Amino acid sequence: MNRSELDWFKSSYSSAQGDDCVEVAVTEQAVHVQDSKDVTRTAFAVGRDGWSRFLDFVAEG
């Protein structure tokens, strides 16, 4: 899937001032992550199970 075809949304952890802008797009196969301030950088994708484990790790502090 082309990066421009994904339905990106701003992470709830991004600041309101726009200085920490992480966007994610969820598909059936993966979760895609990009820096919305610099879309020239390569976005990356991780499997949904891996993303879930990452979120669990972050939630634990």
PDB file of N, CA and C in Angstrom:
ATOM      1  N   MET A   1       0.844  -1.180   0.000  1.00  0.00           N
ATOM      2  CA  MET A   1       0.000   0.000   0.000  1.00  0.00           C
ATOM      3  C   MET A   1       0.885   1.237   0.000  1.00  0.00           C
ATOM      4  N   ASN A   2       0.545   2.179  -0.842  1.00  0.00           N
ATOM      5  CA  ASN A   2       1.277   3.429  -0.951  1.00  0.00           C
ATOM      6  C   ASN A   2       1.065   4.281   0.298  1.00  0.00           C
ATOM      7  N   ARG A   3       2.119   4.921   0.757  1.00  0.00           N
ATOM      8  CA  ARG A   3       2.072   5.758   1.965  1.00  0.00           C
ATOM      9  C   ARG A   3       0.960   6.801   1.901  1.00  0.00           C
ATOM     10  N   SER A   4       0.748   7.386   0.735  1.00  0.00           N
ATOM     11  CA  SER A   4      -0.273   8.424   0.596  1.00  0.00           C
ATOM     12  C   SER A   4      -1.690   7.851   0.632  1.00  0.00           C
ATOM     13  N   GLU A   5      -1.835   6.556   0.464  1.00  0.00           N
ATOM     14  CA  GLU A   5      -3.150   5.918   0.493  1.00  0.00           C
ATOM     15  C   GLU A   5      -3.599   5.542   1.902  1.00  0.00           C
ATOM     16  N   LEU A   6      -2.695   5.628   2.860  1.00  0.00           N
ATOM     17  CA  LEU A   6      -3.022   5.246   4.230  1.00  0.00           C
ATOM     18  C   LEU A   6      -3.827   6.344   4.924  1.00  0.00           C
ATOM     19  N   ASP A   7      -4.634   5.957   5.880  1.00  0.00           N
ATOM     20  CA  ASP A   7      -5.448   6.891   6.665  1.00  0.00           C
ATOM     21  C   ASP A   7      -4.681   7.229   7.943  1.00  0.00           C
ATOM     22  N   TRP A   8      -3.853   8.271   7.885  1.00  0.00           N
ATOM     23  CA  TRP A   8      -2.986   8.662   9.000  1.00  0.00           C
ATOM     24  C   TRP A   8      -3.775   9.448  10.047  1.00  0.00           C
ATOM     25  N   PHE A   9      -3.433   9.227  11.305  1.00  0.00           N
ATOM     26  CA  PHE A   9      -3.985  10.068  12.360  1.00  0.00           C
ATOM     27  C   PHE A   9      -2.895  10.361  13.377  1.00  0.00           C
ATOM     28  N   LYS A  10      -3.026  11.508  14.017  1.00  0.00           N
ATOM     29  CA  LYS A  10      -2.017  11.966  14.968  1.00  0.00           C
ATOM     30  C   LYS A  10      -2.121  11.161  16.254  1.00  0.00           C
ATOM     31  N   SER A  11      -0.990  10.764  16.759  1.00  0.00           N
ATOM     32  CA  SER A  11      -0.940  10.022  18.012  1.00  0.00           C
ATOM     33  C   SER A  11      -1.472  10.875  19.160  1.00  0.00           C
ATOM     34  N   SER A  12      -2.164  10.247  20.092  1.00  0.00           N
ATOM     35  CA  SER A  12      -2.667  10.968  21.263  1.00  0.00           C
ATOM     36  C   SER A  12      -1.520  11.427  22.166  1.00  0.00           C
ATOM     37  N   TYR A  13      -0.319  10.893  21.951  1.00  0.00           N
ATOM     38  CA  TYR A  13       0.840  11.302  22.739  1.00  0.00           C
ATOM     39  C   TYR A  13       1.563  12.495  22.128  1.00  0.00           C
ATOM     40  N   SER A  14       1.159  12.931  20.943  1.00  0.00           N
ATOM     41  CA  SER A  14       1.763  14.103  20.333  1.00  0.00           C
ATOM     42  C   SER A  14       1.278  15.347  21.056  1.00  0.00           C
ATOM     43  N   SER A  15       2.154  16.330  21.153  1.00  0.00           N
ATOM     44  CA  SER A  15       1.779  17.536  21.896  1.00  0.00           C
ATOM     45  C   SER A  15       0.863  18.431  21.067  1.00  0.00           C
ATOM     46  N   ALA A  16       0.103  19.247  21.736  1.00  0.00           N
ATOM     47  CA  ALA A  16      -0.829  20.164  21.084  1.00  0.00           C
ATOM     48  C   ALA A  16      -0.090  21.279  20.340  1.00  0.00           C
ATOM     49  N   GLN A  17       1.151  21.567  20.730  1.00  0.00           N
ATOM     50  CA  GLN A  17       1.929  22.624  20.089  1.00  0.00           C
ATOM     51  C   GLN A  17       2.483  22.182  18.735  1.00  0.00           C
ATOM     52  N   GLY A  18       2.381  20.919  18.408  1.00  0.00           N
ATOM     53  CA  GLY A  18       2.839  20.435  17.114  1.00  0.00           C
ATOM     54  C   GLY A  18       4.319  20.107  17.046  1.00  0.00           C
ATOM     55  N   ASP A  19       5.018  20.138  18.190  1.00  0.00           N
ATOM     56  CA  ASP A  19       6.449  19.870  18.151  1.00  0.00           C
ATOM     57  C   ASP A  19       6.795  18.386  18.295  1.00  0.00           C
ATOM     58  N   ASP A  20       5.872  17.559  18.710  1.00  0.00           N
ATOM     59  CA  ASP A  20       6.072  16.117  18.814  1.00  0.00           C
ATOM     60  C   ASP A  20       4.964  15.440  18.028  1.00  0.00           C
ATOM     61  N   CYS A  21       5.153  15.342  16.728  1.00  0.00           N
ATOM     62  CA  CYS A  21       4.069  14.875  15.870  1.00  0.00           C
ATOM     63  C   CYS A  21       4.352  13.491  15.306  1.00  0.00           C
ATOM     64  N   VAL A  22       3.774  12.519  15.922  1.00  0.00           N
ATOM     65  CA  VAL A  22       3.861  11.161  15.424  1.00  0.00           C
ATOM     66  C   VAL A  22       2.492  10.795  14.884  1.00  0.00           C
ATOM     67  N   GLU A  23       2.467  10.252  13.673  1.00  0.00           N
ATOM     68  CA  GLU A  23       1.217   9.825  13.066  1.00  0.00           C
ATOM     69  C   GLU A  23       1.278   8.322  12.835  1.00  0.00           C
ATOM     70  N   VAL A  24       0.136   7.692  12.972  1.00  0.00           N
ATOM     71  CA  VAL A  24       0.045   6.258  12.721  1.00  0.00           C
ATOM     72  C   VAL A  24      -1.095   5.990  11.755  1.00  0.00           C
ATOM     73  N   ALA A  25      -0.969   4.888  11.050  1.00  0.00           N
ATOM     74  CA  ALA A  25      -2.010   4.405  10.155  1.00  0.00           C
ATOM     75  C   ALA A  25      -2.108   2.901  10.366  1.00  0.00           C
ATOM     76  N   VAL A  26      -3.296   2.441  10.642  1.00  0.00           N
ATOM     77  CA  VAL A  26      -3.509   1.023  10.949  1.00  0.00           C
ATOM     78  C   VAL A  26      -4.132   0.333   9.743  1.00  0.00           C
ATOM     79  N   THR A  27      -3.525  -0.759   9.338  1.00  0.00           N
ATOM     80  CA  THR A  27      -4.092  -1.603   8.294  1.00  0.00           C
ATOM     81  C   THR A  27      -4.300  -2.992   8.871  1.00  0.00           C
ATOM     82  N   GLU A  28      -4.875  -3.849   8.102  1.00  0.00           N
ATOM     83  CA  GLU A  28      -5.113  -5.212   8.572  1.00  0.00           C
ATOM     84  C   GLU A  28      -3.803  -5.933   8.897  1.00  0.00           C
ATOM     85  N   GLN A  29      -2.757  -5.643   8.143  1.00  0.00           N
ATOM     86  CA  GLN A  29      -1.491  -6.338   8.307  1.00  0.00           C
ATOM     87  C   GLN A  29      -0.515  -5.672   9.269  1.00  0.00           C
ATOM     88  N   ALA A  30      -0.582  -4.345   9.407  1.00  0.00           N
ATOM     89  CA  ALA A  30       0.472  -3.650  10.143  1.00  0.00           C
ATOM     90  C   ALA A  30       0.002  -2.301  10.679  1.00  0.00           C
ATOM     91  N   VAL A  31       0.842  -1.739  11.553  1.00  0.00           N
ATOM     92  CA  VAL A  31       0.681  -0.366  12.021  1.00  0.00           C
ATOM     93  C   VAL A  31       1.865   0.408  11.449  1.00  0.00           C
ATOM     94  N   HIS A  32       1.578   1.479  10.723  1.00  0.00           N
ATOM     95  CA  HIS A  32       2.585   2.311  10.076  1.00  0.00           C
ATOM     96  C   HIS A  32       2.794   3.555  10.927  1.00  0.00           C
ATOM     97  N   VAL A  33       4.035   4.006  11.027  1.00  0.00           N
ATOM     98  CA  VAL A  33       4.381   5.148  11.873  1.00  0.00           C
ATOM     99  C   VAL A  33       5.216   6.122  11.051  1.00  0.00           C
ATOM    100  N   GLN A  34       4.903   7.422  11.183  1.00  0.00           N
ATOM    101  CA  GLN A  34       5.697   8.453  10.494  1.00  0.00           C
ATOM    102  C   GLN A  34       5.795   9.698  11.356  1.00  0.00           C
ATOM    103  N   ASP A  35       6.821  10.482  11.077  1.00  0.00           N
ATOM    104  CA  ASP A  35       7.003  11.798  11.692  1.00  0.00           C
ATOM    105  C   ASP A  35       6.310  12.806  10.795  1.00  0.00           C
ATOM    106  N   SER A  36       5.227  13.399  11.245  1.00  0.00           N
ATOM    107  CA  SER A  36       4.451  14.308  10.393  1.00  0.00           C
ATOM    108  C   SER A  36       5.179  15.613  10.103  1.00  0.00           C
ATOM    109  N   LYS A  37       6.198  15.948  10.887  1.00  0.00           N
ATOM    110  CA  LYS A  37       6.968  17.158  10.632  1.00  0.00           C
ATOM    111  C   LYS A  37       7.967  16.949   9.500  1.00  0.00           C
ATOM    112  N   ASP A  38       8.309  15.712   9.215  1.00  0.00           N
ATOM    113  CA  ASP A  38       9.309  15.415   8.181  1.00  0.00           C
ATOM    114  C   ASP A  38       8.890  14.153   7.433  1.00  0.00           C
ATOM    115  N   VAL A  39       7.942  14.312   6.533  1.00  0.00           N
ATOM    116  CA  VAL A  39       7.429  13.153   5.788  1.00  0.00           C
ATOM    117  C   VAL A  39       8.400  12.679   4.713  1.00  0.00           C
ATOM    118  N   THR A  40       9.544  13.371   4.562  1.00  0.00           N
ATOM    119  CA  THR A  40      10.569  12.869   3.646  1.00  0.00           C
ATOM    120  C   THR A  40      11.309  11.683   4.256  1.00  0.00           C
ATOM    121  N   ARG A  41      11.249  11.560   5.567  1.00  0.00           N
ATOM    122  CA  ARG A  41      11.851  10.399   6.230  1.00  0.00           C
ATOM    123  C   ARG A  41      10.987   9.174   5.957  1.00  0.00           C
ATOM    124  N   THR A  42      11.621   8.062   5.925  1.00  0.00           N
ATOM    125  CA  THR A  42      10.923   6.820   5.665  1.00  0.00           C
ATOM    126  C   THR A  42      10.025   6.457   6.846  1.00  0.00           C
ATOM    127  N   ALA A  43       8.780   6.171   6.552  1.00  0.00           N
ATOM    128  CA  ALA A  43       7.878   5.655   7.586  1.00  0.00           C
ATOM    129  C   ALA A  43       8.260   4.195   7.830  1.00  0.00           C
ATOM    130  N   PHE A  44       7.890   3.677   8.973  1.00  0.00           N
ATOM    131  CA  PHE A  44       8.140   2.261   9.202  1.00  0.00           C
ATOM    132  C   PHE A  44       6.842   1.578   9.576  1.00  0.00           C
ATOM    133  N   ALA A  45       6.834   0.277   9.444  1.00  0.00           N
ATOM    134  CA  ALA A  45       5.643  -0.510   9.775  1.00  0.00           C
ATOM    135  C   ALA A  45       6.058  -1.656  10.674  1.00  0.00           C
ATOM    136  N   VAL A  46       5.159  -2.004  11.564  1.00  0.00           N
ATOM    137  CA  VAL A  46       5.380  -3.125  12.474  1.00  0.00           C
ATOM    138  C   VAL A  46       4.093  -3.946  12.490  1.00  0.00           C
ATOM    139  N   GLY A  47       4.231  -5.231  12.672  1.00  0.00           N
ATOM    140  CA  GLY A  47       3.052  -6.087  12.752  1.00  0.00           C
ATOM    141  C   GLY A  47       2.155  -5.683  13.909  1.00  0.00           C
ATOM    142  N   ARG A  48       0.882  -5.977  13.776  1.00  0.00           N
ATOM    143  CA  ARG A  48      -0.071  -5.565  14.817  1.00  0.00           C
ATOM    144  C   ARG A  48       0.240  -6.199  16.165  1.00  0.00           C
ATOM    145  N   ASP A  49       0.717  -7.434  16.184  1.00  0.00           N
ATOM    146  CA  ASP A  49       1.093  -8.069  17.454  1.00  0.00           C
ATOM    147  C   ASP A  49       2.286  -7.365  18.084  1.00  0.00           C
ATOM    148  N   GLY A  50       3.265  -7.012  17.265  1.00  0.00           N
ATOM    149  CA  GLY A  50       4.427  -6.282  17.764  1.00  0.00           C
ATOM    150  C   GLY A  50       4.043  -4.914  18.298  1.00  0.00           C
ATOM    151  N   TRP A  51       3.132  -4.230  17.613  1.00  0.00           N
ATOM    152  CA  TRP A  51       2.654  -2.918  18.068  1.00  0.00           C
ATOM    153  C   TRP A  51       1.949  -3.048  19.409  1.00  0.00           C
ATOM    154  N   SER A  52       1.151  -4.071  19.553  1.00  0.00           N
ATOM    155  CA  SER A  52       0.427  -4.298  20.798  1.00  0.00           C
ATOM    156  C   SER A  52       1.409  -4.543  21.955  1.00  0.00           C
ATOM    157  N   ARG A  53       2.434  -5.337  21.705  1.00  0.00           N
ATOM    158  CA  ARG A  53       3.452  -5.580  22.737  1.00  0.00           C
ATOM    159  C   ARG A  53       4.189  -4.290  23.084  1.00  0.00           C
ATOM    160  N   PHE A  54       4.485  -3.462  22.082  1.00  0.00           N
ATOM    161  CA  PHE A  54       5.144  -2.173  22.324  1.00  0.00           C
ATOM    162  C   PHE A  54       4.271  -1.293  23.210  1.00  0.00           C
ATOM    163  N   LEU A  55       2.995  -1.194  22.913  1.00  0.00           N
ATOM    164  CA  LEU A  55       2.082  -0.367  23.725  1.00  0.00           C
ATOM    165  C   LEU A  55       1.982  -0.887  25.150  1.00  0.00           C
ATOM    166  N   ASP A  56       1.956  -2.201  25.319  1.00  0.00           N
ATOM    167  CA  ASP A  56       1.936  -2.789  26.665  1.00  0.00           C
ATOM    168  C   ASP A  56       3.200  -2.388  27.427  1.00  0.00           C
ATOM    169  N   PHE A  57       4.360  -2.459  26.750  1.00  0.00           N
ATOM    170  CA  PHE A  57       5.625  -2.088  27.375  1.00  0.00           C
ATOM    171  C   PHE A  57       5.615  -0.620  27.799  1.00  0.00           C
ATOM    172  N   VAL A  58       5.143   0.257  26.922  1.00  0.00           N
ATOM    173  CA  VAL A  58       5.087   1.694  27.230  1.00  0.00           C
ATOM    174  C   VAL A  58       4.149   1.953  28.405  1.00  0.00           C
ATOM    175  N   ALA A  59       3.025   1.276  28.437  1.00  0.00           N
ATOM    176  CA  ALA A  59       2.042   1.475  29.505  1.00  0.00           C
ATOM    177  C   ALA A  59       2.597   1.064  30.874  1.00  0.00           C
ATOM    178  N   GLU A  60       3.528   0.112  30.865  1.00  0.00           N
ATOM    179  CA  GLU A  60       4.118  -0.343  32.128  1.00  0.00           C
ATOM    180  C   GLU A  60       5.122   0.653  32.681  1.00  0.00           C
ATOM    181  N   GLY A  61       5.545   1.599  31.857  1.00  0.00           N
ATOM    182  CA  GLY A  61       6.454   2.652  32.306  1.00  0.00           C
ATOM    183  C   GLY A  61       7.853   2.267  32.100  1.00  0.00           C
TER     184      GLY A  61
END
